[in-house]
PDB file of N, CA and C in Angstrom:
ATOM      1  N   MET A   1     -16.300   1.062   5.114  1.00  0.00           N
ATOM      2  CA  MET A   1     -17.465   2.096   5.091  1.00  0.00           C
ATOM      3  C   MET A   1     -18.786   1.329   4.500  1.00  0.00           C
ATOM      4  N   GLY A   2     -19.911   1.499   5.619  1.00  0.00           N
ATOM      5  CA  GLY A   2     -21.106   1.171   5.049  1.00  0.00           C
ATOM      6  C   GLY A   2     -21.908   1.824   4.168  1.00  0.00           C
ATOM      7  N   GLN A   3     -22.977   1.362   3.603  1.00  0.00           N
ATOM      8  CA  GLN A   3     -23.942   2.020   2.917  1.00  0.00           C
ATOM      9  C   GLN A   3     -24.954   2.576   3.973  1.00  0.00           C
ATOM     10  N   LEU A   4     -24.984   3.636   3.186  1.00  0.00           N
ATOM     11  CA  LEU A   4     -26.472   4.451   3.980  1.00  0.00           C
ATOM     12  C   LEU A   4     -27.748   3.708   3.968  1.00  0.00           C
ATOM     13  N   PHE A   5     -27.924   3.492   2.255  1.00  0.00           N
ATOM     14  CA  PHE A   5     -29.684   2.681   2.110  1.00  0.00           C
ATOM     15  C   PHE A   5     -29.183   1.463   1.693  1.00  0.00           C
ATOM     16  N   ARG A   6     -30.165   0.526   1.924  1.00  0.00           N
ATOM     17  CA  ARG A   6     -29.722  -0.455   1.393  1.00  0.00           C
ATOM     18  C   ARG A   6     -29.745  -0.760  -0.268  1.00  0.00           C
ATOM     19  N   LYS A   7     -29.489  -1.640  -0.548  1.00  0.00           N
ATOM     20  CA  LYS A   7     -28.931  -1.716  -2.198  1.00  0.00           C
ATOM     21  C   LYS A   7     -30.345  -1.904  -2.927  1.00  0.00           C
ATOM     22  N   GLU A   8     -31.514  -2.817  -2.408  1.00  0.00           N
ATOM     23  CA  GLU A   8     -32.686  -2.280  -2.765  1.00  0.00           C
ATOM     24  C   GLU A   8     -33.216  -1.336  -3.040  1.00  0.00           C
ATOM     25  N   ALA A   9     -33.119  -0.453  -2.103  1.00  0.00           N
ATOM     26  CA  ALA A   9     -33.745   0.891  -2.076  1.00  0.00           C
ATOM     27  C   ALA A   9     -33.173   1.661  -3.318  1.00  0.00           C
ATOM     28  N   MET A  10     -31.835   1.680  -3.244  1.00  0.00           N
ATOM     29  CA  MET A  10     -31.050   2.587  -4.301  1.00  0.00           C
ATOM     30  C   MET A  10     -31.377   1.765  -5.683  1.00  0.00           C
ATOM     31  N   GLU A  11     -31.846   0.490  -5.842  1.00  0.00           N
ATOM     32  CA  GLU A  11     -31.992   0.025  -7.371  1.00  0.00           C
ATOM     33  C   GLU A  11     -33.247   0.707  -7.898  1.00  0.00           C
ATOM     34  N   ARG A  12     -34.225   0.512  -6.845  1.00  0.00           N
ATOM     35  CA  ARG A  12     -35.849   0.851  -7.024  1.00  0.00           C
ATOM     36  C   ARG A  12     -35.772   2.459  -7.627  1.00  0.00           C
ATOM     37  N   ARG A  13     -34.894   3.252  -6.674  1.00  0.00           N
ATOM     38  CA  ARG A  13     -34.705   4.478  -7.024  1.00  0.00           C
ATOM     39  C   ARG A  13     -34.016   4.863  -8.059  1.00  0.00           C
ATOM     40  N   SER A  14     -33.013   4.224  -8.776  1.00  0.00           N
ATOM     41  CA  SER A  14     -32.405   4.416  -9.782  1.00  0.00           C
ATOM     42  C   SER A  14     -33.365   4.031 -11.303  1.00  0.00           C
ATOM     43  N   ARG A  15     -34.060   3.000 -11.454  1.00  0.00           N
ATOM     44  CA  ARG A  15     -35.060   2.855 -12.302  1.00  0.00           C
ATOM     45  C   ARG A  15     -36.438   3.702 -11.840  1.00  0.00           C
ATOM     46  N   ALA A  16     -36.612   4.373 -10.625  1.00  0.00           N
ATOM     47  CA  ALA A  16     -37.587   5.462 -10.981  1.00  0.00           C
ATOM     48  C   ALA A  16     -37.588   6.554 -11.669  1.00  0.00           C
ATOM     49  N   LEU A  17     -36.307   7.111 -11.877  1.00  0.00           N
ATOM     50  CA  LEU A  17     -35.657   8.331 -12.445  1.00  0.00           C
ATOM     51  C   LEU A  17     -35.737   8.109 -13.774  1.00  0.00           C
ATOM     52  N   PHE A  18     -35.512   7.197 -14.798  1.00  0.00           N
ATOM     53  CA  PHE A  18     -35.850   6.849 -15.706  1.00  0.00           C
ATOM     54  C   PHE A  18     -37.206   6.767 -16.193  1.00  0.00           C
ATOM     55  N   GLY A  19     -38.329   6.696 -15.374  1.00  0.00           N
ATOM     56  CA  GLY A  19     -39.893   6.766 -15.857  1.00  0.00           C
ATOM     57  C   GLY A  19     -40.278   5.209 -16.626  1.00  0.00           C
ATOM     58  N   GLU A  20     -41.063   5.041 -17.020  1.00  0.00           N
ATOM     59  CA  GLU A  20     -41.574   4.143 -17.802  1.00  0.00           C
ATOM     60  C   GLU A  20     -41.586   4.288 -19.162  1.00  0.00           C
ATOM     61  N   VAL A  21     -41.265   3.146 -19.702  1.00  0.00           N
ATOM     62  CA  VAL A  21     -41.026   3.193 -21.417  1.00  0.00           C
ATOM     63  C   VAL A  21     -42.134   2.958 -22.127  1.00  0.00           C
ATOM     64  N   ILE A  22     -42.394   3.773 -23.030  1.00  0.00           N
ATOM     65  CA  ILE A  22     -43.938   3.474 -23.839  1.00  0.00           C
ATOM     66  C   ILE A  22     -43.492   3.415 -24.997  1.00  0.00           C
ATOM     67  N   LEU A  23     -43.570   2.226 -25.623  1.00  0.00           N
ATOM     68  CA  LEU A  23     -42.934   2.285 -27.382  1.00  0.00           C
ATOM     69  C   LEU A  23     -44.715   2.265 -28.008  1.00  0.00           C
ATOM     70  N   ARG A  24     -44.353   3.098 -29.148  1.00  0.00           N
ATOM     71  CA  ARG A  24     -45.821   3.860 -29.559  1.00  0.00           C
ATOM     72  C   ARG A  24     -44.818   3.913 -30.874  1.00  0.00           C
ATOM     73  N   GLY A  25     -45.389   3.144 -32.016  1.00  0.00           N
ATOM     74  CA  GLY A  25     -45.063   3.586 -33.592  1.00  0.00           C
ATOM     75  C   GLY A  25     -45.523   4.893 -34.345  1.00  0.00           C
ATOM     76  N   PRO A  26     -45.296   5.089 -35.495  1.00  0.00           N
ATOM     77  CA  PRO A  26     -45.765   5.897 -36.257  1.00  0.00           C
ATOM     78  C   PRO A  26     -47.245   5.839 -36.506  1.00  0.00           C
ATOM     79  N   LEU A  27     -48.028   6.991 -37.149  1.00  0.00           N
ATOM     80  CA  LEU A  27     -49.435   6.721 -37.237  1.00  0.00           C
ATOM     81  C   LEU A  27     -49.650   5.759 -38.541  1.00  0.00           C
ATOM     82  N   PRO A  28     -50.323   4.960 -38.795  1.00  0.00           N
ATOM     83  CA  PRO A  28     -50.824   4.038 -39.699  1.00  0.00           C
ATOM     84  C   PRO A  28     -50.864   5.053 -41.174  1.00  0.00           C
ATOM     85  N   ALA A  29     -50.450   4.755 -42.559  1.00  0.00           N
ATOM     86  CA  ALA A  29     -50.628   5.379 -43.382  1.00  0.00           C
ATOM     87  C   ALA A  29     -52.203   5.795 -43.796  1.00  0.00           C
ATOM     88  N   TRP A  30     -53.328   4.837 -43.472  1.00  0.00           N
ATOM     89  CA  TRP A  30     -54.567   5.290 -43.771  1.00  0.00           C
ATOM     90  C   TRP A  30     -55.015   6.092 -42.666  1.00  0.00           C
ATOM     91  N   VAL A  31     -54.631   6.251 -41.813  1.00  0.00           N
ATOM     92  CA  VAL A  31     -54.856   7.157 -41.164  1.00  0.00           C
ATOM     93  C   VAL A  31     -54.700   8.662 -41.515  1.00  0.00           C
ATOM     94  N   VAL A  32     -53.658   8.805 -41.777  1.00  0.00           N
ATOM     95  CA  VAL A  32     -53.255   9.938 -42.386  1.00  0.00           C
ATOM     96  C   VAL A  32     -53.792  10.486 -43.692  1.00  0.00           C
ATOM     97  N   VAL A  33     -53.774   9.347 -44.543  1.00  0.00           N
ATOM     98  CA  VAL A  33     -54.468   9.527 -45.727  1.00  0.00           C
ATOM     99  C   VAL A  33     -55.821   9.907 -45.239  1.00  0.00           C
ATOM    100  N   GLY A  34     -56.524   9.241 -44.309  1.00  0.00           N
ATOM    101  CA  GLY A  34     -57.839   9.476 -44.149  1.00  0.00           C
ATOM    102  C   GLY A  34     -58.405  10.974 -43.673  1.00  0.00           C
ATOM    103  N   LEU A  35     -57.061  11.487 -43.048  1.00  0.00           N
ATOM    104  CA  LEU A  35     -57.088  12.604 -42.139  1.00  0.00           C
ATOM    105  C   LEU A  35     -56.953  13.684 -43.328  1.00  0.00           C
ATOM    106  N   LEU A  36     -56.101  13.563 -44.434  1.00  0.00           N
ATOM    107  CA  LEU A  36     -55.754  14.264 -45.469  1.00  0.00           C
ATOM    108  C   LEU A  36     -56.993  14.209 -46.352  1.00  0.00           C
ATOM    109  N   PHE A  37     -57.697  13.492 -46.690  1.00  0.00           N
ATOM    110  CA  PHE A  37     -59.117  13.404 -47.481  1.00  0.00           C
ATOM    111  C   PHE A  37     -60.106  13.963 -46.520  1.00  0.00           C
ATOM    112  N   ILE A  38     -60.530  13.744 -45.744  1.00  0.00           N
ATOM    113  CA  ILE A  38     -61.604  14.811 -44.717  1.00  0.00           C
ATOM    114  C   ILE A  38     -61.065  16.355 -44.759  1.00  0.00           C
ATOM    115  N   THR A  39     -59.837  16.568 -44.414  1.00  0.00           N
ATOM    116  CA  THR A  39     -59.555  18.042 -44.877  1.00  0.00           C
ATOM    117  C   THR A  39     -59.700  18.625 -46.130  1.00  0.00           C
ATOM    118  N   ILE A  40     -59.417  17.762 -46.952  1.00  0.00           N
ATOM    119  CA  ILE A  40     -59.399  18.491 -48.173  1.00  0.00           C
ATOM    120  C   ILE A  40     -61.058  18.610 -48.675  1.00  0.00           C
ATOM    121  N   GLY A  41     -61.732  17.451 -48.208  1.00  0.00           N
ATOM    122  CA  GLY A  41     -63.150  17.717 -48.576  1.00  0.00           C
ATOM    123  C   GLY A  41     -63.908  18.758 -47.603  1.00  0.00           C
ATOM    124  N   LEU A  42     -63.653  19.138 -46.459  1.00  0.00           N
ATOM    125  CA  LEU A  42     -64.055  20.126 -45.689  1.00  0.00           C
ATOM    126  C   LEU A  42     -63.834  21.737 -46.378  1.00  0.00           C
ATOM    127  N   ILE A  43     -62.605  21.674 -46.858  1.00  0.00           N
ATOM    128  CA  ILE A  43     -62.346  23.121 -47.479  1.00  0.00           C
ATOM    129  C   ILE A  43     -63.034  23.231 -49.041  1.00  0.00           C
ATOM    130  N   GLY A  44     -63.203  22.170 -49.557  1.00  0.00           N
ATOM    131  CA  GLY A  44     -64.014  21.903 -50.601  1.00  0.00           C
ATOM    132  C   GLY A  44     -65.571  22.329 -50.687  1.00  0.00           C
ATOM    133  N   PHE A  45     -65.665  21.925 -49.719  1.00  0.00           N
ATOM    134  CA  PHE A  45     -67.596  22.019 -49.032  1.00  0.00           C
ATOM    135  C   PHE A  45     -67.324  23.683 -48.902  1.00  0.00           C
ATOM    136  N   VAL A  46     -66.551  23.901 -48.060  1.00  0.00           N
ATOM    137  CA  VAL A  46     -66.642  25.636 -47.736  1.00  0.00           C
ATOM    138  C   VAL A  46     -66.607  26.689 -48.829  1.00  0.00           C
ATOM    139  N   LEU A  47     -65.595  26.253 -49.725  1.00  0.00           N
ATOM    140  CA  LEU A  47     -65.463  27.241 -50.918  1.00  0.00           C
ATOM    141  C   LEU A  47     -66.764  27.064 -52.121  1.00  0.00           C
ATOM    142  N   PHE A  48     -67.085  25.522 -52.216  1.00  0.00           N
ATOM    143  CA  PHE A  48     -67.975  25.451 -53.339  1.00  0.00           C
ATOM    144  C   PHE A  48     -69.347  25.017 -52.771  1.00  0.00           C
ATOM    145  N   GLY A  49     -69.439  24.750 -51.760  1.00  0.00           N
ATOM    146  CA  GLY A  49     -70.815  24.323 -51.034  1.00  0.00           C
ATOM    147  C   GLY A  49     -71.552  25.425 -50.217  1.00  0.00           C
ATOM    148  N   ILE A  50     -70.940  26.415 -49.627  1.00  0.00           N
ATOM    149  CA  ILE A  50     -71.695  26.982 -49.071  1.00  0.00           C
ATOM    150  C   ILE A  50     -72.198  28.340 -50.001  1.00  0.00           C
ATOM    151  N   ASN A  51     -73.342  28.969 -49.983  1.00  0.00           N
ATOM    152  CA  ASN A  51     -73.334  29.892 -50.646  1.00  0.00           C
ATOM    153  C   ASN A  51     -73.296  31.309 -49.700  1.00  0.00           C
ATOM    154  N   VAL A  52     -73.037  32.373 -50.429  1.00  0.00           N
ATOM    155  CA  VAL A  52     -72.918  33.797 -49.932  1.00  0.00           C
ATOM    156  C   VAL A  52     -73.966  34.499 -50.501  1.00  0.00           C
ATOM    157  N   GLY A  53     -75.197  34.776 -49.958  1.00  0.00           N
ATOM    158  CA  GLY A  53     -76.243  35.364 -50.998  1.00  0.00           C
ATOM    159  C   GLY A  53     -76.345  34.499 -52.353  1.00  0.00           C
ATOM    160  N   ASP A  54     -75.987  34.699 -53.877  1.00  0.00           N
ATOM    161  CA  ASP A  54     -76.596  33.518 -54.715  1.00  0.00           C
ATOM    162  C   ASP A  54     -75.147  33.435 -55.336  1.00  0.00           C
ATOM    163  N   GLN A  55     -74.219  33.565 -54.644  1.00  0.00           N
ATOM    164  CA  GLN A  55     -72.670  32.838 -55.164  1.00  0.00           C
ATOM    165  C   GLN A  55     -72.065  32.014 -54.244  1.00  0.00           C
ATOM    166  N   THR A  56     -71.352  31.041 -54.458  1.00  0.00           N
ATOM    167  CA  THR A  56     -70.709  30.264 -53.721  1.00  0.00           C
ATOM    168  C   THR A  56     -69.490  31.083 -52.953  1.00  0.00           C
ATOM    169  N   VAL A  57     -68.808  30.380 -52.163  1.00  0.00           N
ATOM    170  CA  VAL A  57     -67.473  31.297 -51.345  1.00  0.00           C
ATOM    171  C   VAL A  57     -66.529  31.837 -52.432  1.00  0.00           C
ATOM    172  N   TRP A  58     -66.142  30.574 -53.068  1.00  0.00           N
ATOM    173  CA  TRP A  58     -65.263  30.732 -54.156  1.00  0.00           C
ATOM    174  C   TRP A  58     -65.385  31.693 -54.783  1.00  0.00           C
ATOM    175  N   SER A  59     -66.633  32.070 -55.665  1.00  0.00           N
ATOM    176  CA  SER A  59     -66.683  33.073 -56.559  1.00  0.00           C
ATOM    177  C   SER A  59     -66.747  34.296 -55.755  1.00  0.00           C
ATOM    178  N   TRP A  60     -67.513  34.304 -54.699  1.00  0.00           N
ATOM    179  CA  TRP A  60     -66.983  35.365 -53.689  1.00  0.00           C
ATOM    180  C   TRP A  60     -65.863  35.879 -53.319  1.00  0.00           C
ATOM    181  N   LEU A  61     -65.083  35.229 -53.514  1.00  0.00           N
ATOM    182  CA  LEU A  61     -63.547  35.548 -52.864  1.00  0.00           C
ATOM    183  C   LEU A  61     -62.610  36.049 -54.069  1.00  0.00           C
ATOM    184  N   ARG A  62     -63.444  35.598 -55.291  1.00  0.00           N
ATOM    185  CA  ARG A  62     -62.829  36.096 -56.282  1.00  0.00           C
ATOM    186  C   ARG A  62     -63.256  37.598 -56.919  1.00  0.00           C
ATOM    187  N   ASP A  63     -64.159  37.749 -56.434  1.00  0.00           N
ATOM    188  CA  ASP A  63     -64.660  39.166 -56.975  1.00  0.00           C
ATOM    189  C   ASP A  63     -64.241  40.181 -55.913  1.00  0.00           C
TER     190      ASP A  63
END
């Protein structure tokens, strides 16, 4: 019994089902450390650098 589709058409279709493979490694350590320092810096600025009235946010939250 003959095949309904050509061999080439079936091979192309079977590869398309799996999609394209993209290899991507983890984030470099310097990126993670940099984001961590930026986050800690922003939190520190909000707590100790912004004044609410005549006191910092940190002392305002403690009261």
